[in-house]
């Protein structure tokens, strides 16, 4: 079960990633950033750290990453609204 602060951290990360995705601009910059991020996530140290947390990295295209962020934002927004969570 997630602690409240873990949920808050996860939601903040989703919001930041969504904002970054909106601000990156031209396709070539997004493609280059995506390539570098995927390369970093494929590194053994990151793979081990994620595995120790019970997770794994997904190597996604910028388009697929955008779809994932949109779906996650929609999903967690419903959870937040259902739970009645309000910002302080």
PDB file of N, CA and C in Angstrom:
ATOM      1  N   UNK A   1       0.834  -1.183   0.000  1.00  0.00           N
ATOM      2  CA  UNK A   1       0.000   0.000   0.000  1.00  0.00           C
ATOM      3  C   UNK A   1       0.876   1.243   0.000  1.00  0.00           C
ATOM      4  N   UNK A   2       0.497   2.225  -0.783  1.00  0.00           N
ATOM      5  CA  UNK A   2       1.246   3.469  -0.862  1.00  0.00           C
ATOM      6  C   UNK A   2       0.929   4.374   0.321  1.00  0.00           C
ATOM      7  N   UNK A   3       1.972   4.983   0.825  1.00  0.00           N
ATOM      8  CA  UNK A   3       1.783   6.010   1.846  1.00  0.00           C
ATOM      9  C   UNK A   3       1.305   7.278   1.139  1.00  0.00           C
ATOM     10  N   UNK A   4       0.665   8.157   1.888  1.00  0.00           N
ATOM     11  CA  UNK A   4       0.131   9.396   1.314  1.00  0.00           C
ATOM     12  C   UNK A   4       1.228  10.201   0.620  1.00  0.00           C
ATOM     13  N   UNK A   5       2.410  10.276   1.229  1.00  0.00           N
ATOM     14  CA  UNK A   5       3.489  11.050   0.620  1.00  0.00           C
ATOM     15  C   UNK A   5       3.989  10.400  -0.666  1.00  0.00           C
ATOM     16  N   UNK A   6       3.925   9.061  -0.765  1.00  0.00           N
ATOM     17  CA  UNK A   6       4.305   8.386  -2.004  1.00  0.00           C
ATOM     18  C   UNK A   6       3.336   8.756  -3.123  1.00  0.00           C
ATOM     19  N   UNK A   7       2.057   8.790  -2.811  1.00  0.00           N
ATOM     20  CA  UNK A   7       1.045   9.172  -3.797  1.00  0.00           C
ATOM     21  C   UNK A   7       1.256  10.615  -4.226  1.00  0.00           C
ATOM     22  N   UNK A   8       1.521  11.485  -3.270  1.00  0.00           N
ATOM     23  CA  UNK A   8       1.763  12.887  -3.587  1.00  0.00           C
ATOM     24  C   UNK A   8       2.981  13.030  -4.489  1.00  0.00           C
ATOM     25  N   UNK A   9       4.057  12.293  -4.181  1.00  0.00           N
ATOM     26  CA  UNK A   9       5.269  12.334  -5.006  1.00  0.00           C
ATOM     27  C   UNK A   9       4.979  11.836  -6.416  1.00  0.00           C
ATOM     28  N   UNK A  10       4.219  10.748  -6.515  1.00  0.00           N
ATOM     29  CA  UNK A  10       3.895  10.182  -7.826  1.00  0.00           C
ATOM     30  C   UNK A  10       3.064  11.161  -8.648  1.00  0.00           C
ATOM     31  N   UNK A  11       2.089  11.779  -8.019  1.00  0.00           N
ATOM     32  CA  UNK A  11       1.240  12.735  -8.732  1.00  0.00           C
ATOM     33  C   UNK A  11       2.037  13.967  -9.155  1.00  0.00           C
ATOM     34  N   UNK A  12       2.926  14.407  -8.300  1.00  0.00           N
ATOM     35  CA  UNK A  12       3.766  15.550  -8.648  1.00  0.00           C
ATOM     36  C   UNK A  12       4.660  15.202  -9.833  1.00  0.00           C
ATOM     37  N   UNK A  13       5.201  13.984  -9.842  1.00  0.00           N
ATOM     38  CA  UNK A  13       6.045  13.554 -10.951  1.00  0.00           C
ATOM     39  C   UNK A  13       5.262  13.507 -12.252  1.00  0.00           C
ATOM     40  N   UNK A  14       4.047  12.990 -12.204  1.00  0.00           N
ATOM     41  CA  UNK A  14       3.211  12.936 -13.400  1.00  0.00           C
ATOM     42  C   UNK A  14       2.934  14.342 -13.908  1.00  0.00           C
ATOM     43  N   UNK A  15       2.636  15.258 -13.011  1.00  0.00           N
ATOM     44  CA  UNK A  15       2.357  16.637 -13.413  1.00  0.00           C
ATOM     45  C   UNK A  15       3.589  17.283 -14.044  1.00  0.00           C
ATOM     46  N   UNK A  16       4.754  17.051 -13.454  1.00  0.00           N
ATOM     47  CA  UNK A  16       5.991  17.620 -13.993  1.00  0.00           C
ATOM     48  C   UNK A  16       6.281  17.038 -15.368  1.00  0.00           C
ATOM     49  N   UNK A  17       6.151  15.719 -15.504  1.00  0.00           N
ATOM     50  CA  UNK A  17       6.410  15.086 -16.795  1.00  0.00           C
ATOM     51  C   UNK A  17       5.432  15.578 -17.856  1.00  0.00           C
ATOM     52  N   UNK A  18       4.198  15.767 -17.472  1.00  0.00           N
ATOM     53  CA  UNK A  18       3.207  16.288 -18.412  1.00  0.00           C
ATOM     54  C   UNK A  18       3.577  17.703 -18.854  1.00  0.00           C
ATOM     55  N   UNK A  19       3.989  18.530 -17.906  1.00  0.00           N
ATOM     56  CA  UNK A  19       4.394  19.898 -18.233  1.00  0.00           C
ATOM     57  C   UNK A  19       5.620  19.899 -19.144  1.00  0.00           C
ATOM     58  N   UNK A  20       6.581  19.037 -18.852  1.00  0.00           N
ATOM     59  CA  UNK A  20       7.776  18.942 -19.698  1.00  0.00           C
ATOM     60  C   UNK A  20       7.377  18.546 -21.110  1.00  0.00           C
ATOM     61  N   UNK A  21       6.503  17.565 -21.211  1.00  0.00           N
ATOM     62  CA  UNK A  21       6.044  17.128 -22.525  1.00  0.00           C
ATOM     63  C   UNK A  21       5.382  18.243 -23.309  1.00  0.00           C
ATOM     64  N   UNK A  22       4.655  19.123 -22.619  1.00  0.00           N
ATOM     65  CA  UNK A  22       3.986  20.238 -23.290  1.00  0.00           C
ATOM     66  C   UNK A  22       4.974  21.317 -23.732  1.00  0.00           C
ATOM     67  N   UNK A  23       6.084  21.456 -23.007  1.00  0.00           N
ATOM     68  CA  UNK A  23       7.012  22.556 -23.261  1.00  0.00           C
ATOM     69  C   UNK A  23       8.155  22.225 -24.210  1.00  0.00           C
ATOM     70  N   UNK A  24       8.378  20.965 -24.492  1.00  0.00           N
ATOM     71  CA  UNK A  24       9.575  20.592 -25.242  1.00  0.00           C
ATOM     72  C   UNK A  24       9.627  21.159 -26.649  1.00  0.00           C
ATOM     73  N   UNK A  25       8.519  21.317 -27.275  1.00  0.00           N
ATOM     74  CA  UNK A  25       8.526  21.947 -28.571  1.00  0.00           C
ATOM     75  C   UNK A  25       8.779  21.015 -29.730  1.00  0.00           C
ATOM     76  N   UNK A  26       9.616  21.460 -30.669  1.00  0.00           N
ATOM     77  CA  UNK A  26       9.794  20.748 -31.925  1.00  0.00           C
ATOM     78  C   UNK A  26      10.137  19.265 -31.765  1.00  0.00           C
ATOM     79  N   UNK A  27       9.675  18.514 -32.749  1.00  0.00           N
ATOM     80  CA  UNK A  27       9.821  17.061 -32.722  1.00  0.00           C
ATOM     81  C   UNK A  27      11.264  16.625 -32.542  1.00  0.00           C
ATOM     82  N   UNK A  28      12.199  17.260 -33.210  1.00  0.00           N
ATOM     83  CA  UNK A  28      13.598  16.819 -33.145  1.00  0.00           C
ATOM     84  C   UNK A  28      14.148  16.887 -31.727  1.00  0.00           C
ATOM     85  N   UNK A  29      13.806  17.925 -30.978  1.00  0.00           N
ATOM     86  CA  UNK A  29      14.268  18.012 -29.584  1.00  0.00           C
ATOM     87  C   UNK A  29      13.652  16.903 -28.754  1.00  0.00           C
ATOM     88  N   UNK A  30      12.359  16.649 -28.963  1.00  0.00           N
ATOM     89  CA  UNK A  30      11.694  15.569 -28.225  1.00  0.00           C
ATOM     90  C   UNK A  30      12.290  14.221 -28.573  1.00  0.00           C
ATOM     91  N   UNK A  31      12.582  14.004 -29.854  1.00  0.00           N
ATOM     92  CA  UNK A  31      13.159  12.741 -30.281  1.00  0.00           C
ATOM     93  C   UNK A  31      14.537  12.525 -29.645  1.00  0.00           C
ATOM     94  N   UNK A  32      15.357  13.578 -29.642  1.00  0.00           N
ATOM     95  CA  UNK A  32      16.700  13.467 -29.065  1.00  0.00           C
ATOM     96  C   UNK A  32      16.626  13.225 -27.556  1.00  0.00           C
ATOM     97  N   UNK A  33      15.763  13.959 -26.873  1.00  0.00           N
ATOM     98  CA  UNK A  33      15.602  13.770 -25.436  1.00  0.00           C
ATOM     99  C   UNK A  33      15.104  12.362 -25.130  1.00  0.00           C
ATOM    100  N   UNK A  34      14.143  11.896 -25.922  1.00  0.00           N
ATOM    101  CA  UNK A  34      13.609  10.549 -25.747  1.00  0.00           C
ATOM    102  C   UNK A  34      14.706   9.496 -25.915  1.00  0.00           C
ATOM    103  N   UNK A  35      15.531   9.668 -26.926  1.00  0.00           N
ATOM    104  CA  UNK A  35      16.627   8.730 -27.179  1.00  0.00           C
ATOM    105  C   UNK A  35      17.585   8.680 -25.982  1.00  0.00           C
ATOM    106  N   UNK A  36      17.933   9.836 -25.439  1.00  0.00           N
ATOM    107  CA  UNK A  36      18.865   9.900 -24.306  1.00  0.00           C
ATOM    108  C   UNK A  36      18.254   9.306 -23.033  1.00  0.00           C
ATOM    109  N   UNK A  37      16.992   9.597 -22.806  1.00  0.00           N
ATOM    110  CA  UNK A  37      16.320   9.053 -21.621  1.00  0.00           C
ATOM    111  C   UNK A  37      16.248   7.530 -21.714  1.00  0.00           C
ATOM    112  N   UNK A  38      15.847   7.014 -22.879  1.00  0.00           N
ATOM    113  CA  UNK A  38      15.771   5.564 -23.051  1.00  0.00           C
ATOM    114  C   UNK A  38      17.136   4.909 -22.884  1.00  0.00           C
ATOM    115  N   UNK A  39      18.178   5.551 -23.380  1.00  0.00           N
ATOM    116  CA  UNK A  39      19.532   5.014 -23.208  1.00  0.00           C
ATOM    117  C   UNK A  39      19.914   4.981 -21.728  1.00  0.00           C
ATOM    118  N   UNK A  40      19.598   6.044 -21.011  1.00  0.00           N
ATOM    119  CA  UNK A  40      19.893   6.075 -19.574  1.00  0.00           C
ATOM    120  C   UNK A  40      19.128   5.019 -18.798  1.00  0.00           C
ATOM    121  N   UNK A  41      17.863   4.834 -19.148  1.00  0.00           N
ATOM    122  CA  UNK A  41      17.047   3.838 -18.459  1.00  0.00           C
ATOM    123  C   UNK A  41      17.498   2.414 -18.740  1.00  0.00           C
ATOM    124  N   UNK A  42      18.207   2.223 -19.849  1.00  0.00           N
ATOM    125  CA  UNK A  42      18.696   0.884 -20.200  1.00  0.00           C
ATOM    126  C   UNK A  42      19.993   0.527 -19.470  1.00  0.00           C
ATOM    127  N   UNK A  43      20.577   1.502 -18.778  1.00  0.00           N
ATOM    128  CA  UNK A  43      21.824   1.251 -18.063  1.00  0.00           C
ATOM    129  C   UNK A  43      21.640   0.269 -16.915  1.00  0.00           C
ATOM    130  N   UNK A  44      22.668  -0.533 -16.625  1.00  0.00           N
ATOM    131  CA  UNK A  44      22.543  -1.567 -15.589  1.00  0.00           C
ATOM    132  C   UNK A  44      22.252  -1.014 -14.191  1.00  0.00           C
ATOM    133  N   UNK A  45      22.819   0.132 -13.847  1.00  0.00           N
ATOM    134  CA  UNK A  45      22.591   0.693 -12.514  1.00  0.00           C
ATOM    135  C   UNK A  45      21.123   1.075 -12.334  1.00  0.00           C
ATOM    136  N   UNK A  46      20.564   1.743 -13.336  1.00  0.00           N
ATOM    137  CA  UNK A  46      19.156   2.147 -13.262  1.00  0.00           C
ATOM    138  C   UNK A  46      18.256   0.921 -13.262  1.00  0.00           C
ATOM    139  N   UNK A  47      18.558  -0.054 -14.128  1.00  0.00           N
ATOM    140  CA  UNK A  47      17.753  -1.280 -14.172  1.00  0.00           C
ATOM    141  C   UNK A  47      17.741  -1.971 -12.812  1.00  0.00           C
ATOM    142  N   UNK A  48      18.900  -2.041 -12.167  1.00  0.00           N
ATOM    143  CA  UNK A  48      18.995  -2.686 -10.852  1.00  0.00           C
ATOM    144  C   UNK A  48      18.207  -1.908  -9.813  1.00  0.00           C
ATOM    145  N   UNK A  49      18.357  -0.584  -9.807  1.00  0.00           N
ATOM    146  CA  UNK A  49      17.629   0.232  -8.838  1.00  0.00           C
ATOM    147  C   UNK A  49      16.120   0.095  -9.023  1.00  0.00           C
ATOM    148  N   UNK A  50      15.660   0.111 -10.255  1.00  0.00           N
ATOM    149  CA  UNK A  50      14.234  -0.045 -10.508  1.00  0.00           C
ATOM    150  C   UNK A  50      13.761  -1.445 -10.109  1.00  0.00           C
ATOM    151  N   UNK A  51      14.554  -2.468 -10.421  1.00  0.00           N
ATOM    152  CA  UNK A  51      14.185  -3.838 -10.054  1.00  0.00           C
ATOM    153  C   UNK A  51      14.086  -3.982  -8.540  1.00  0.00           C
ATOM    154  N   UNK A  52      14.986  -3.338  -7.808  1.00  0.00           N
ATOM    155  CA  UNK A  52      14.937  -3.383  -6.344  1.00  0.00           C
ATOM    156  C   UNK A  52      13.675  -2.727  -5.793  1.00  0.00           C
ATOM    157  N   UNK A  53      13.089  -1.819  -6.573  1.00  0.00           N
ATOM    158  CA  UNK A  53      11.843  -1.162  -6.184  1.00  0.00           C
ATOM    159  C   UNK A  53      10.616  -1.894  -6.726  1.00  0.00           C
ATOM    160  N   UNK A  54      10.869  -3.015  -7.417  1.00  0.00           N
ATOM    161  CA  UNK A  54       9.766  -3.790  -7.981  1.00  0.00           C
ATOM    162  C   UNK A  54       9.211  -3.177  -9.250  1.00  0.00           C
ATOM    163  N   UNK A  55      10.070  -2.488  -9.994  1.00  0.00           N
ATOM    164  CA  UNK A  55       9.617  -1.788 -11.186  1.00  0.00           C
ATOM    165  C   UNK A  55      10.558  -2.077 -12.346  1.00  0.00           C
ATOM    166  N   UNK A  56      10.207  -1.580 -13.497  1.00  0.00           N
ATOM    167  CA  UNK A  56      11.047  -1.678 -14.685  1.00  0.00           C
ATOM    168  C   UNK A  56      10.761  -0.472 -15.562  1.00  0.00           C
ATOM    169  N   UNK A  57      11.753  -0.080 -16.341  1.00  0.00           N
ATOM    170  CA  UNK A  57      11.607   1.059 -17.242  1.00  0.00           C
ATOM    171  C   UNK A  57      10.916   0.616 -18.525  1.00  0.00           C
ATOM    172  N   UNK A  58      10.127   1.512 -19.083  1.00  0.00           N
ATOM    173  CA  UNK A  58       9.506   1.288 -20.384  1.00  0.00           C
ATOM    174  C   UNK A  58      10.184   2.204 -21.392  1.00  0.00           C
ATOM    175  N   UNK A  59      10.732   1.640 -22.456  1.00  0.00           N
ATOM    176  CA  UNK A  59      11.331   2.446 -23.514  1.00  0.00           C
ATOM    177  C   UNK A  59      10.218   2.812 -24.486  1.00  0.00           C
ATOM    178  N   UNK A  60       9.732   4.039 -24.387  1.00  0.00           N
ATOM    179  CA  UNK A  60       8.604   4.480 -25.194  1.00  0.00           C
ATOM    180  C   UNK A  60       9.021   5.576 -26.162  1.00  0.00           C
ATOM    181  N   UNK A  61       8.302   5.673 -27.263  1.00  0.00           N
ATOM    182  CA  UNK A  61       8.494   6.791 -28.183  1.00  0.00           C
ATOM    183  C   UNK A  61       7.872   8.031 -27.547  1.00  0.00           C
ATOM    184  N   UNK A  62       8.219   9.216 -28.049  1.00  0.00           N
ATOM    185  CA  UNK A  62       7.581  10.423 -27.501  1.00  0.00           C
ATOM    186  C   UNK A  62       6.058  10.372 -27.600  1.00  0.00           C
ATOM    187  N   UNK A  63       5.542   9.847 -28.697  1.00  0.00           N
ATOM    188  CA  UNK A  63       4.087   9.759 -28.870  1.00  0.00           C
ATOM    189  C   UNK A  63       3.480   8.809 -27.849  1.00  0.00           C
ATOM    190  N   UNK A  64       4.101   7.629 -27.692  1.00  0.00           N
ATOM    191  CA  UNK A  64       3.582   6.664 -26.726  1.00  0.00           C
ATOM    192  C   UNK A  64       3.714   7.168 -25.293  1.00  0.00           C
ATOM    193  N   UNK A  65       4.798   7.897 -25.010  1.00  0.00           N
ATOM    194  CA  UNK A  65       4.974   8.467 -23.677  1.00  0.00           C
ATOM    195  C   UNK A  65       3.873   9.488 -23.403  1.00  0.00           C
ATOM    196  N   UNK A  66       3.563  10.315 -24.402  1.00  0.00           N
ATOM    197  CA  UNK A  66       2.484  11.285 -24.249  1.00  0.00           C
ATOM    198  C   UNK A  66       1.152  10.609 -23.968  1.00  0.00           C
ATOM    199  N   UNK A  67       0.887   9.508 -24.669  1.00  0.00           N
ATOM    200  CA  UNK A  67      -0.352   8.753 -24.436  1.00  0.00           C
ATOM    201  C   UNK A  67      -0.373   8.166 -23.025  1.00  0.00           C
ATOM    202  N   UNK A  68       0.772   7.643 -22.579  1.00  0.00           N
ATOM    203  CA  UNK A  68       0.859   7.087 -21.227  1.00  0.00           C
ATOM    204  C   UNK A  68       0.597   8.160 -20.178  1.00  0.00           C
ATOM    205  N   UNK A  69       1.225   9.320 -20.337  1.00  0.00           N
ATOM    206  CA  UNK A  69       1.039  10.411 -19.371  1.00  0.00           C
ATOM    207  C   UNK A  69      -0.416  10.864 -19.353  1.00  0.00           C
ATOM    208  N   UNK A  70      -1.035  10.973 -20.541  1.00  0.00           N
ATOM    209  CA  UNK A  70      -2.442  11.386 -20.594  1.00  0.00           C
ATOM    210  C   UNK A  70      -3.331  10.374 -19.885  1.00  0.00           C
ATOM    211  N   UNK A  71      -3.085   9.089 -20.121  1.00  0.00           N
ATOM    212  CA  UNK A  71      -3.887   8.045 -19.484  1.00  0.00           C
ATOM    213  C   UNK A  71      -3.681   8.026 -17.973  1.00  0.00           C
ATOM    214  N   UNK A  72      -2.431   8.167 -17.538  1.00  0.00           N
ATOM    215  CA  UNK A  72      -2.138   8.170 -16.102  1.00  0.00           C
ATOM    216  C   UNK A  72      -2.737   9.401 -15.427  1.00  0.00           C
ATOM    217  N   UNK A  73      -2.664  10.539 -16.087  1.00  0.00           N
ATOM    218  CA  UNK A  73      -3.242  11.762 -15.529  1.00  0.00           C
ATOM    219  C   UNK A  73      -4.743  11.600 -15.349  1.00  0.00           C
ATOM    220  N   UNK A  74      -5.405  11.045 -16.359  1.00  0.00           N
ATOM    221  CA  UNK A  74      -6.846  10.820 -16.269  1.00  0.00           C
ATOM    222  C   UNK A  74      -7.186   9.833 -15.150  1.00  0.00           C
ATOM    223  N   UNK A  75      -6.435   8.742 -15.086  1.00  0.00           N
ATOM    224  CA  UNK A  75      -6.680   7.712 -14.066  1.00  0.00           C
ATOM    225  C   UNK A  75      -6.519   8.276 -12.657  1.00  0.00           C
ATOM    226  N   UNK A  76      -5.396   8.967 -12.423  1.00  0.00           N
ATOM    227  CA  UNK A  76      -5.136   9.458 -11.065  1.00  0.00           C
ATOM    228  C   UNK A  76      -6.031  10.636 -10.711  1.00  0.00           C
ATOM    229  N   UNK A  77      -6.450  11.402 -11.693  1.00  0.00           N
ATOM    230  CA  UNK A  77      -7.394  12.490 -11.413  1.00  0.00           C
ATOM    231  C   UNK A  77      -8.698  11.915 -10.871  1.00  0.00           C
ATOM    232  N   UNK A  78      -9.145  10.793 -11.430  1.00  0.00           N
ATOM    233  CA  UNK A  78     -10.362  10.145 -10.941  1.00  0.00           C
ATOM    234  C   UNK A  78     -10.183   9.653  -9.505  1.00  0.00           C
ATOM    235  N   UNK A  79      -9.028   9.078  -9.214  1.00  0.00           N
ATOM    236  CA  UNK A  79      -8.739   8.592  -7.860  1.00  0.00           C
ATOM    237  C   UNK A  79      -8.744   9.763  -6.881  1.00  0.00           C
ATOM    238  N   UNK A  80      -8.107  10.840  -7.260  1.00  0.00           N
ATOM    239  CA  UNK A  80      -8.025  12.020  -6.388  1.00  0.00           C
ATOM    240  C   UNK A  80      -9.410  12.597  -6.142  1.00  0.00           C
ATOM    241  N   UNK A  81     -10.207  12.707  -7.195  1.00  0.00           N
ATOM    242  CA  UNK A  81     -11.547  13.258  -7.038  1.00  0.00           C
ATOM    243  C   UNK A  81     -12.412  12.322  -6.167  1.00  0.00           C
ATOM    244  N   UNK A  82     -12.335  11.020  -6.409  1.00  0.00           N
ATOM    245  CA  UNK A  82     -13.124  10.058  -5.645  1.00  0.00           C
ATOM    246  C   UNK A  82     -12.735  10.093  -4.164  1.00  0.00           C
ATOM    247  N   UNK A  83     -11.436  10.246  -3.900  1.00  0.00           N
ATOM    248  CA  UNK A  83     -10.939  10.262  -2.521  1.00  0.00           C
ATOM    249  C   UNK A  83     -11.176  11.611  -1.847  1.00  0.00           C
ATOM    250  N   UNK A  84     -11.560  12.625  -2.622  1.00  0.00           N
ATOM    251  CA  UNK A  84     -11.809  13.936  -2.047  1.00  0.00           C
ATOM    252  C   UNK A  84     -10.547  14.651  -1.622  1.00  0.00           C
ATOM    253  N   UNK A  85      -9.443  14.327  -2.257  1.00  0.00           N
ATOM    254  CA  UNK A  85      -8.163  14.957  -1.915  1.00  0.00           C
ATOM    255  C   UNK A  85      -8.162  16.376  -2.455  1.00  0.00           C
ATOM    256  N   UNK A  86      -7.760  17.295  -1.600  1.00  0.00           N
ATOM    257  CA  UNK A  86      -7.694  18.719  -1.963  1.00  0.00           C
ATOM    258  C   UNK A  86      -6.297  19.233  -1.631  1.00  0.00           C
ATOM    259  N   UNK A  87      -5.764  20.147  -2.449  1.00  0.00           N
ATOM    260  CA  UNK A  87      -4.451  20.736  -2.134  1.00  0.00           C
ATOM    261  C   UNK A  87      -4.553  21.581  -0.862  1.00  0.00           C
ATOM    262  N   UNK A  88      -3.462  21.633  -0.151  1.00  0.00           N
ATOM    263  CA  UNK A  88      -3.414  22.451   1.074  1.00  0.00           C
ATOM    264  C   UNK A  88      -3.392  23.922   0.758  1.00  0.00           C
TER     265      UNK A  88
END
